[in-house]
ModelCIF file with pLDDT and N, C-alpha, C, O atoms, coordinates in Angstrom:
data_MODEL
#
_entry.id   MODEL 
#
_entity.id                         1 
_entity.type                       polymer 
_entity.pdbx_number_of_molecules   1 
#
_entity_poly.entity_id                      1 
_entity_poly.type                           'polypeptide(L)' 
_entity_poly.nstd_linkage                   no 
_entity_poly.nstd_monomer                   no 
_entity_poly.pdbx_seq_one_letter_code       DLPIVLLLLLAVAFLLRMDFVFYLVYVVAGAYGLARWWTA 
_entity_poly.pdbx_seq_one_letter_code_can   DLPIVLLLLLAVAFLLRMDFVFYLVYVVAGAYGLARWWTA 
_entity_poly.pdbx_strand_id                 A 
#
loop_
_entity_poly_seq.entity_id 
_entity_poly_seq.num 
_entity_poly_seq.mon_id 
_entity_poly_seq.hetero 
1 1  ASP n 
1 2  LEU n 
1 3  PRO n 
1 4  ILE n 
1 5  VAL n 
1 6  LEU n 
1 7  LEU n 
1 8  LEU n 
1 9  LEU n 
1 10 LEU n 
1 11 ALA n 
1 12 VAL n 
1 13 ALA n 
1 14 PHE n 
1 15 LEU n 
1 16 LEU n 
1 17 ARG n 
1 18 MET n 
1 19 ASP n 
1 20 PHE n 
1 21 VAL n 
1 22 PHE n 
1 23 TYR n 
1 24 LEU n 
1 25 VAL n 
1 26 TYR n 
1 27 VAL n 
1 28 VAL n 
1 29 ALA n 
1 30 GLY n 
1 31 ALA n 
1 32 TYR n 
1 33 GLY n 
1 34 LEU n 
1 35 ALA n 
1 36 ARG n 
1 37 TRP n 
1 38 TRP n 
1 39 THR n 
1 40 ALA n 
#
_struct_asym.id          A 
_struct_asym.entity_id   1 
#
loop_
_ma_qa_metric.id 
_ma_qa_metric.mode 
_ma_qa_metric.name 
_ma_qa_metric.software_group_id 
_ma_qa_metric.type 
1 global pLDDT . pLDDT 
2 local  pLDDT . pLDDT 
#
_ma_qa_metric_global.metric_id      1 
_ma_qa_metric_global.metric_value   66.15 
_ma_qa_metric_global.model_id       1 
_ma_qa_metric_global.ordinal_id     1 
#
loop_
_ma_qa_metric_local.label_asym_id 
_ma_qa_metric_local.label_comp_id 
_ma_qa_metric_local.label_seq_id 
_ma_qa_metric_local.metric_id 
_ma_qa_metric_local.metric_value 
_ma_qa_metric_local.model_id 
_ma_qa_metric_local.ordinal_id 
A ASP 1  2 62.00 1 1  
A LEU 2  2 60.00 1 2  
A PRO 3  2 65.00 1 3  
A ILE 4  2 70.00 1 4  
A VAL 5  2 61.00 1 5  
A LEU 6  2 57.00 1 6  
A LEU 7  2 63.00 1 7  
A LEU 8  2 64.00 1 8  
A LEU 9  2 62.00 1 9  
A LEU 10 2 61.00 1 10 
A ALA 11 2 68.00 1 11 
A VAL 12 2 65.00 1 12 
A ALA 13 2 62.00 1 13 
A PHE 14 2 62.00 1 14 
A LEU 15 2 66.00 1 15 
A LEU 16 2 68.00 1 16 
A ARG 17 2 70.00 1 17 
A MET 18 2 68.00 1 18 
A ASP 19 2 67.00 1 19 
A PHE 20 2 63.00 1 20 
A VAL 21 2 63.00 1 21 
A PHE 22 2 62.00 1 22 
A TYR 23 2 58.00 1 23 
A LEU 24 2 64.00 1 24 
A VAL 25 2 63.00 1 25 
A TYR 26 2 61.00 1 26 
A VAL 27 2 65.00 1 27 
A VAL 28 2 66.00 1 28 
A ALA 29 2 66.00 1 29 
A GLY 30 2 65.00 1 30 
A ALA 31 2 66.00 1 31 
A TYR 32 2 70.00 1 32 
A GLY 33 2 69.00 1 33 
A LEU 34 2 68.00 1 34 
A ALA 35 2 71.00 1 35 
A ARG 36 2 75.00 1 36 
A TRP 37 2 76.00 1 37 
A TRP 38 2 75.00 1 38 
A THR 39 2 81.00 1 39 
A ALA 40 2 78.00 1 40 
#
loop_
_atom_site.group_PDB 
_atom_site.id 
_atom_site.type_symbol 
_atom_site.label_atom_id 
_atom_site.label_alt_id 
_atom_site.label_comp_id 
_atom_site.label_asym_id 
_atom_site.label_entity_id 
_atom_site.label_seq_id 
_atom_site.pdbx_PDB_ins_code 
_atom_site.Cartn_x 
_atom_site.Cartn_y 
_atom_site.Cartn_z 
_atom_site.occupancy 
_atom_site.B_iso_or_equiv 
_atom_site.pdbx_formal_charge 
_atom_site.auth_seq_id 
_atom_site.auth_comp_id 
_atom_site.auth_asym_id 
_atom_site.auth_atom_id 
_atom_site.pdbx_PDB_model_num 
ATOM 1   N N  . ASP A 1 1  ? 0.652  -1.201 0.060  1.00 62.00 ? 1  ASP A N  1 
ATOM 2   C CA . ASP A 1 1  ? -0.027 0.089  0.112  1.00 62.00 ? 1  ASP A CA 1 
ATOM 3   C C  . ASP A 1 1  ? 0.927  1.075  -0.205 1.00 62.00 ? 1  ASP A C  1 
ATOM 4   O O  . ASP A 1 1  ? 0.547  1.923  -1.012 1.00 62.00 ? 1  ASP A O  1 
ATOM 5   N N  . LEU A 1 2  ? 1.881  1.155  0.160  1.00 60.00 ? 2  LEU A N  1 
ATOM 6   C CA . LEU A 1 2  ? 3.024  2.306  0.246  1.00 60.00 ? 2  LEU A CA 1 
ATOM 7   C C  . LEU A 1 2  ? 2.971  3.240  -1.126 1.00 60.00 ? 2  LEU A C  1 
ATOM 8   O O  . LEU A 1 2  ? 3.114  4.459  -1.042 1.00 60.00 ? 2  LEU A O  1 
ATOM 9   N N  . PRO A 1 3  ? 2.775  2.631  -2.286 1.00 65.00 ? 3  PRO A N  1 
ATOM 10  C CA . PRO A 1 3  ? 2.804  3.823  -3.620 1.00 65.00 ? 3  PRO A CA 1 
ATOM 11  C C  . PRO A 1 3  ? 1.128  4.675  -3.227 1.00 65.00 ? 3  PRO A C  1 
ATOM 12  O O  . PRO A 1 3  ? 1.005  5.864  -2.931 1.00 65.00 ? 3  PRO A O  1 
ATOM 13  N N  . ILE A 1 4  ? 0.132  3.765  -3.329 1.00 70.00 ? 4  ILE A N  1 
ATOM 14  C CA . ILE A 1 4  ? -0.918 4.747  -2.810 1.00 70.00 ? 4  ILE A CA 1 
ATOM 15  C C  . ILE A 1 4  ? -0.933 5.887  -1.637 1.00 70.00 ? 4  ILE A C  1 
ATOM 16  O O  . ILE A 1 4  ? -1.500 6.960  -1.845 1.00 70.00 ? 4  ILE A O  1 
ATOM 17  N N  . VAL A 1 5  ? -0.228 5.582  -0.289 1.00 61.00 ? 5  VAL A N  1 
ATOM 18  C CA . VAL A 1 5  ? 0.080  6.233  0.659  1.00 61.00 ? 5  VAL A CA 1 
ATOM 19  C C  . VAL A 1 5  ? 0.936  7.731  0.209  1.00 61.00 ? 5  VAL A C  1 
ATOM 20  O O  . VAL A 1 5  ? 0.694  8.880  0.578  1.00 61.00 ? 5  VAL A O  1 
ATOM 21  N N  . LEU A 1 6  ? 2.055  7.202  -0.761 1.00 57.00 ? 6  LEU A N  1 
ATOM 22  C CA . LEU A 1 6  ? 2.906  8.348  -1.252 1.00 57.00 ? 6  LEU A CA 1 
ATOM 23  C C  . LEU A 1 6  ? 1.970  9.313  -2.274 1.00 57.00 ? 6  LEU A C  1 
ATOM 24  O O  . LEU A 1 6  ? 2.253  10.483 -2.533 1.00 57.00 ? 6  LEU A O  1 
ATOM 25  N N  . LEU A 1 7  ? 0.873  8.636  -2.768 1.00 63.00 ? 7  LEU A N  1 
ATOM 26  C CA . LEU A 1 7  ? 0.380  9.297  -3.975 1.00 63.00 ? 7  LEU A CA 1 
ATOM 27  C C  . LEU A 1 7  ? -0.810 10.432 -2.841 1.00 63.00 ? 7  LEU A C  1 
ATOM 28  O O  . LEU A 1 7  ? -1.131 11.607 -3.016 1.00 63.00 ? 7  LEU A O  1 
ATOM 29  N N  . LEU A 1 8  ? -1.130 9.640  -1.929 1.00 64.00 ? 8  LEU A N  1 
ATOM 30  C CA . LEU A 1 8  ? -1.998 10.626 -1.166 1.00 64.00 ? 8  LEU A CA 1 
ATOM 31  C C  . LEU A 1 8  ? -1.348 11.791 -0.708 1.00 64.00 ? 8  LEU A C  1 
ATOM 32  O O  . LEU A 1 8  ? -1.827 12.918 -0.839 1.00 64.00 ? 8  LEU A O  1 
ATOM 33  N N  . LEU A 1 9  ? 0.049  11.468 -0.016 1.00 62.00 ? 9  LEU A N  1 
ATOM 34  C CA . LEU A 1 9  ? 0.821  12.556 0.428  1.00 62.00 ? 9  LEU A CA 1 
ATOM 35  C C  . LEU A 1 9  ? 1.177  13.696 -0.680 1.00 62.00 ? 9  LEU A C  1 
ATOM 36  O O  . LEU A 1 9  ? 1.217  14.904 -0.448 1.00 62.00 ? 9  LEU A O  1 
ATOM 37  N N  . LEU A 1 10 ? 1.383  13.176 -1.714 1.00 61.00 ? 10 LEU A N  1 
ATOM 38  C CA . LEU A 1 10 ? 1.949  13.921 -2.593 1.00 61.00 ? 10 LEU A CA 1 
ATOM 39  C C  . LEU A 1 10 ? 0.629  14.745 -3.196 1.00 61.00 ? 10 LEU A C  1 
ATOM 40  O O  . LEU A 1 10 ? 0.864  15.919 -3.481 1.00 61.00 ? 10 LEU A O  1 
ATOM 41  N N  . ALA A 1 11 ? -0.478 14.360 -3.381 1.00 68.00 ? 11 ALA A N  1 
ATOM 42  C CA . ALA A 1 11 ? -1.691 15.293 -3.366 1.00 68.00 ? 11 ALA A CA 1 
ATOM 43  C C  . ALA A 1 11 ? -2.092 16.204 -2.293 1.00 68.00 ? 11 ALA A C  1 
ATOM 44  O O  . ALA A 1 11 ? -2.783 17.188 -2.554 1.00 68.00 ? 11 ALA A O  1 
ATOM 45  N N  . VAL A 1 12 ? -1.660 15.909 -0.964 1.00 65.00 ? 12 VAL A N  1 
ATOM 46  C CA . VAL A 1 12 ? -1.870 16.904 0.262  1.00 65.00 ? 12 VAL A CA 1 
ATOM 47  C C  . VAL A 1 12 ? -0.689 17.941 -0.106 1.00 65.00 ? 12 VAL A C  1 
ATOM 48  O O  . VAL A 1 12 ? -0.907 19.152 -0.076 1.00 65.00 ? 12 VAL A O  1 
ATOM 49  N N  . ALA A 1 13 ? 0.494  17.447 -0.432 1.00 62.00 ? 13 ALA A N  1 
ATOM 50  C CA . ALA A 1 13 ? 1.546  18.639 -0.580 1.00 62.00 ? 13 ALA A CA 1 
ATOM 51  C C  . ALA A 1 13 ? 1.214  19.628 -1.517 1.00 62.00 ? 13 ALA A C  1 
ATOM 52  O O  . ALA A 1 13 ? 1.421  20.802 -1.209 1.00 62.00 ? 13 ALA A O  1 
ATOM 53  N N  . PHE A 1 14 ? 0.716  19.338 -2.650 1.00 62.00 ? 14 PHE A N  1 
ATOM 54  C CA . PHE A 1 14 ? 0.065  20.001 -3.860 1.00 62.00 ? 14 PHE A CA 1 
ATOM 55  C C  . PHE A 1 14 ? -0.710 21.100 -2.900 1.00 62.00 ? 14 PHE A C  1 
ATOM 56  O O  . PHE A 1 14 ? -0.371 22.269 -2.715 1.00 62.00 ? 14 PHE A O  1 
ATOM 57  N N  . LEU A 1 15 ? -1.823 20.414 -2.350 1.00 66.00 ? 15 LEU A N  1 
ATOM 58  C CA . LEU A 1 15 ? -2.739 21.285 -1.835 1.00 66.00 ? 15 LEU A CA 1 
ATOM 59  C C  . LEU A 1 15 ? -2.558 22.022 -0.911 1.00 66.00 ? 15 LEU A C  1 
ATOM 60  O O  . LEU A 1 15 ? -3.231 23.052 -0.922 1.00 66.00 ? 15 LEU A O  1 
ATOM 61  N N  . LEU A 1 16 ? -1.799 21.851 0.003  1.00 68.00 ? 16 LEU A N  1 
ATOM 62  C CA . LEU A 1 16 ? -1.268 22.583 0.935  1.00 68.00 ? 16 LEU A CA 1 
ATOM 63  C C  . LEU A 1 16 ? 0.081  23.566 0.940  1.00 68.00 ? 16 LEU A C  1 
ATOM 64  O O  . LEU A 1 16 ? 0.478  24.402 1.752  1.00 68.00 ? 16 LEU A O  1 
ATOM 65  N N  . ARG A 1 17 ? 0.529  23.155 -0.152 1.00 70.00 ? 17 ARG A N  1 
ATOM 66  C CA . ARG A 1 17 ? 2.098  23.939 -0.588 1.00 70.00 ? 17 ARG A CA 1 
ATOM 67  C C  . ARG A 1 17 ? 2.935  23.781 0.574  1.00 70.00 ? 17 ARG A C  1 
ATOM 68  O O  . ARG A 1 17 ? 3.368  24.800 1.111  1.00 70.00 ? 17 ARG A O  1 
ATOM 69  N N  . MET A 1 18 ? 3.268  22.473 1.106  1.00 68.00 ? 18 MET A N  1 
ATOM 70  C CA . MET A 1 18 ? 4.095  22.098 2.213  1.00 68.00 ? 18 MET A CA 1 
ATOM 71  C C  . MET A 1 18 ? 5.382  21.475 1.722  1.00 68.00 ? 18 MET A C  1 
ATOM 72  O O  . MET A 1 18 ? 5.396  20.330 1.271  1.00 68.00 ? 18 MET A O  1 
ATOM 73  N N  . ASP A 1 19 ? 6.480  22.243 1.810  1.00 67.00 ? 19 ASP A N  1 
ATOM 74  C CA . ASP A 1 19 ? 7.685  21.932 1.321  1.00 67.00 ? 19 ASP A CA 1 
ATOM 75  C C  . ASP A 1 19 ? 8.220  20.505 1.989  1.00 67.00 ? 19 ASP A C  1 
ATOM 76  O O  . ASP A 1 19 ? 8.778  19.647 1.306  1.00 67.00 ? 19 ASP A O  1 
ATOM 77  N N  . PHE A 1 20 ? 7.959  20.358 3.510  1.00 63.00 ? 20 PHE A N  1 
ATOM 78  C CA . PHE A 1 20 ? 8.401  19.331 4.080  1.00 63.00 ? 20 PHE A CA 1 
ATOM 79  C C  . PHE A 1 20 ? 7.718  17.889 3.656  1.00 63.00 ? 20 PHE A C  1 
ATOM 80  O O  . PHE A 1 20 ? 8.299  16.805 3.609  1.00 63.00 ? 20 PHE A O  1 
ATOM 81  N N  . VAL A 1 21 ? 6.457  18.137 3.385  1.00 63.00 ? 21 VAL A N  1 
ATOM 82  C CA . VAL A 1 21 ? 5.763  16.821 2.695  1.00 63.00 ? 21 VAL A CA 1 
ATOM 83  C C  . VAL A 1 21 ? 6.417  16.529 1.245  1.00 63.00 ? 21 VAL A C  1 
ATOM 84  O O  . VAL A 1 21 ? 6.792  15.388 0.974  1.00 63.00 ? 21 VAL A O  1 
ATOM 85  N N  . PHE A 1 22 ? 6.530  17.476 0.423  1.00 62.00 ? 22 PHE A N  1 
ATOM 86  C CA . PHE A 1 22 ? 7.326  17.181 -0.665 1.00 62.00 ? 22 PHE A CA 1 
ATOM 87  C C  . PHE A 1 22 ? 8.526  16.157 -0.330 1.00 62.00 ? 22 PHE A C  1 
ATOM 88  O O  . PHE A 1 22 ? 8.644  15.025 -0.799 1.00 62.00 ? 22 PHE A O  1 
ATOM 89  N N  . TYR A 1 23 ? 9.552  16.916 0.751  1.00 58.00 ? 23 TYR A N  1 
ATOM 90  C CA . TYR A 1 23 ? 10.752 16.244 0.777  1.00 58.00 ? 23 TYR A CA 1 
ATOM 91  C C  . TYR A 1 23 ? 10.461 14.889 1.215  1.00 58.00 ? 23 TYR A C  1 
ATOM 92  O O  . TYR A 1 23 ? 11.063 14.000 0.614  1.00 58.00 ? 23 TYR A O  1 
ATOM 93  N N  . LEU A 1 24 ? 9.705  14.572 2.087  1.00 64.00 ? 24 LEU A N  1 
ATOM 94  C CA . LEU A 1 24 ? 9.191  13.358 2.824  1.00 64.00 ? 24 LEU A CA 1 
ATOM 95  C C  . LEU A 1 24 ? 8.803  12.432 1.472  1.00 64.00 ? 24 LEU A C  1 
ATOM 96  O O  . LEU A 1 24 ? 9.379  11.350 1.359  1.00 64.00 ? 24 LEU A O  1 
ATOM 97  N N  . VAL A 1 25 ? 7.985  12.779 0.608  1.00 63.00 ? 25 VAL A N  1 
ATOM 98  C CA . VAL A 1 25 ? 7.426  12.127 -0.330 1.00 63.00 ? 25 VAL A CA 1 
ATOM 99  C C  . VAL A 1 25 ? 8.708  11.596 -1.247 1.00 63.00 ? 25 VAL A C  1 
ATOM 100 O O  . VAL A 1 25 ? 8.910  10.399 -1.453 1.00 63.00 ? 25 VAL A O  1 
ATOM 101 N N  . TYR A 1 26 ? 9.534  12.655 -1.762 1.00 61.00 ? 26 TYR A N  1 
ATOM 102 C CA . TYR A 1 26 ? 10.795 12.348 -2.380 1.00 61.00 ? 26 TYR A CA 1 
ATOM 103 C C  . TYR A 1 26 ? 11.580 11.460 -1.686 1.00 61.00 ? 26 TYR A C  1 
ATOM 104 O O  . TYR A 1 26 ? 12.045 10.572 -2.402 1.00 61.00 ? 26 TYR A O  1 
ATOM 105 N N  . VAL A 1 27 ? 11.860 11.413 -0.588 1.00 65.00 ? 27 VAL A N  1 
ATOM 106 C CA . VAL A 1 27 ? 12.838 10.585 0.417  1.00 65.00 ? 27 VAL A CA 1 
ATOM 107 C C  . VAL A 1 27 ? 12.218 9.148  0.476  1.00 65.00 ? 27 VAL A C  1 
ATOM 108 O O  . VAL A 1 27 ? 12.869 8.133  0.224  1.00 65.00 ? 27 VAL A O  1 
ATOM 109 N N  . VAL A 1 28 ? 11.186 9.157  0.754  1.00 66.00 ? 28 VAL A N  1 
ATOM 110 C CA . VAL A 1 28 ? 10.397 7.743  0.922  1.00 66.00 ? 28 VAL A CA 1 
ATOM 111 C C  . VAL A 1 28 ? 10.358 6.890  -0.564 1.00 66.00 ? 28 VAL A C  1 
ATOM 112 O O  . VAL A 1 28 ? 10.583 5.685  -0.674 1.00 66.00 ? 28 VAL A O  1 
ATOM 113 N N  . ALA A 1 29 ? 9.995  7.888  -1.743 1.00 66.00 ? 29 ALA A N  1 
ATOM 114 C CA . ALA A 1 29 ? 9.713  6.984  -2.868 1.00 66.00 ? 29 ALA A CA 1 
ATOM 115 C C  . ALA A 1 29 ? 11.305 6.878  -3.484 1.00 66.00 ? 29 ALA A C  1 
ATOM 116 O O  . ALA A 1 29 ? 11.494 6.123  -4.438 1.00 66.00 ? 29 ALA A O  1 
ATOM 117 N N  . GLY A 1 30 ? 12.220 7.503  -3.023 1.00 65.00 ? 30 GLY A N  1 
ATOM 118 C CA . GLY A 1 30 ? 13.464 6.890  -3.464 1.00 65.00 ? 30 GLY A CA 1 
ATOM 119 C C  . GLY A 1 30 ? 14.128 5.707  -2.751 1.00 65.00 ? 30 GLY A C  1 
ATOM 120 O O  . GLY A 1 30 ? 14.838 4.891  -3.337 1.00 65.00 ? 30 GLY A O  1 
ATOM 121 N N  . ALA A 1 31 ? 13.833 5.674  -1.392 1.00 66.00 ? 31 ALA A N  1 
ATOM 122 C CA . ALA A 1 31 ? 13.897 4.679  -0.561 1.00 66.00 ? 31 ALA A CA 1 
ATOM 123 C C  . ALA A 1 31 ? 13.325 3.328  -1.107 1.00 66.00 ? 31 ALA A C  1 
ATOM 124 O O  . ALA A 1 31 ? 13.913 2.257  -1.261 1.00 66.00 ? 31 ALA A O  1 
ATOM 125 N N  . TYR A 1 32 ? 12.040 3.655  -1.354 1.00 70.00 ? 32 TYR A N  1 
ATOM 126 C CA . TYR A 1 32 ? 11.245 2.488  -1.859 1.00 70.00 ? 32 TYR A CA 1 
ATOM 127 C C  . TYR A 1 32 ? 11.644 1.842  -3.219 1.00 70.00 ? 32 TYR A C  1 
ATOM 128 O O  . TYR A 1 32 ? 11.762 0.628  -3.383 1.00 70.00 ? 32 TYR A O  1 
ATOM 129 N N  . GLY A 1 33 ? 11.852 2.854  -4.238 1.00 69.00 ? 33 GLY A N  1 
ATOM 130 C CA . GLY A 1 33 ? 12.533 2.405  -5.415 1.00 69.00 ? 33 GLY A CA 1 
ATOM 131 C C  . GLY A 1 33 ? 13.949 1.681  -5.401 1.00 69.00 ? 33 GLY A C  1 
ATOM 132 O O  . GLY A 1 33 ? 14.226 0.680  -6.062 1.00 69.00 ? 33 GLY A O  1 
ATOM 133 N N  . LEU A 1 34 ? 14.762 2.334  -4.570 1.00 68.00 ? 34 LEU A N  1 
ATOM 134 C CA . LEU A 1 34 ? 16.092 1.677  -4.264 1.00 68.00 ? 34 LEU A CA 1 
ATOM 135 C C  . LEU A 1 34 ? 16.160 0.225  -3.600 1.00 68.00 ? 34 LEU A C  1 
ATOM 136 O O  . LEU A 1 34 ? 17.068 -0.575 -3.823 1.00 68.00 ? 34 LEU A O  1 
ATOM 137 N N  . ALA A 1 35 ? 14.954 -0.029 -2.660 1.00 71.00 ? 35 ALA A N  1 
ATOM 138 C CA . ALA A 1 35 ? 15.035 -1.193 -2.044 1.00 71.00 ? 35 ALA A CA 1 
ATOM 139 C C  . ALA A 1 35 ? 14.535 -2.223 -2.925 1.00 71.00 ? 35 ALA A C  1 
ATOM 140 O O  . ALA A 1 35 ? 14.913 -3.390 -2.818 1.00 71.00 ? 35 ALA A O  1 
ATOM 141 N N  . ARG A 1 36 ? 13.551 -1.770 -3.947 1.00 75.00 ? 36 ARG A N  1 
ATOM 142 C CA . ARG A 1 36 ? 12.807 -2.946 -4.592 1.00 75.00 ? 36 ARG A CA 1 
ATOM 143 C C  . ARG A 1 36 ? 13.996 -3.252 -5.886 1.00 75.00 ? 36 ARG A C  1 
ATOM 144 O O  . ARG A 1 36 ? 14.059 -4.420 -6.269 1.00 75.00 ? 36 ARG A O  1 
ATOM 145 N N  . TRP A 1 37 ? 14.848 -2.310 -6.497 1.00 76.00 ? 37 TRP A N  1 
ATOM 146 C CA . TRP A 1 37 ? 15.707 -2.487 -7.251 1.00 76.00 ? 37 TRP A CA 1 
ATOM 147 C C  . TRP A 1 37 ? 17.099 -3.587 -6.733 1.00 76.00 ? 37 TRP A C  1 
ATOM 148 O O  . TRP A 1 37 ? 17.635 -4.516 -7.336 1.00 76.00 ? 37 TRP A O  1 
ATOM 149 N N  . TRP A 1 38 ? 17.316 -3.096 -5.596 1.00 75.00 ? 38 TRP A N  1 
ATOM 150 C CA . TRP A 1 38 ? 18.260 -3.900 -4.738 1.00 75.00 ? 38 TRP A CA 1 
ATOM 151 C C  . TRP A 1 38 ? 18.088 -5.226 -4.646 1.00 75.00 ? 38 TRP A C  1 
ATOM 152 O O  . TRP A 1 38 ? 18.791 -6.162 -5.027 1.00 75.00 ? 38 TRP A O  1 
ATOM 153 N N  . THR A 1 39 ? 16.768 -5.167 -3.935 1.00 81.00 ? 39 THR A N  1 
ATOM 154 C CA . THR A 1 39 ? 16.419 -6.673 -3.633 1.00 81.00 ? 39 THR A CA 1 
ATOM 155 C C  . THR A 1 39 ? 16.044 -7.732 -4.694 1.00 81.00 ? 39 THR A C  1 
ATOM 156 O O  . THR A 1 39 ? 16.087 -8.947 -4.506 1.00 81.00 ? 39 THR A O  1 
ATOM 157 N N  . ALA A 1 40 ? 15.631 -7.044 -5.954 1.00 78.00 ? 40 ALA A N  1 
ATOM 158 C CA . ALA A 1 40 ? 15.528 -7.903 -7.054 1.00 78.00 ? 40 ALA A CA 1 
ATOM 159 C C  . ALA A 1 40 ? 16.792 -8.036 -7.787 1.00 78.00 ? 40 ALA A C  1 
ATOM 160 O O  . ALA A 1 40 ? 16.855 -8.760 -8.781 1.00 78.00 ? 40 ALA A O  1 
#
């Protein structure tokens, strides 16, 4: 469910113009993509 959660956070960040949420989404999404690539 993590990709769905990231999309919801990204929508919240666009609506509220919160830079911290953008940063959090970028970091978590990057870690998630790296983990999947690394494991595979």
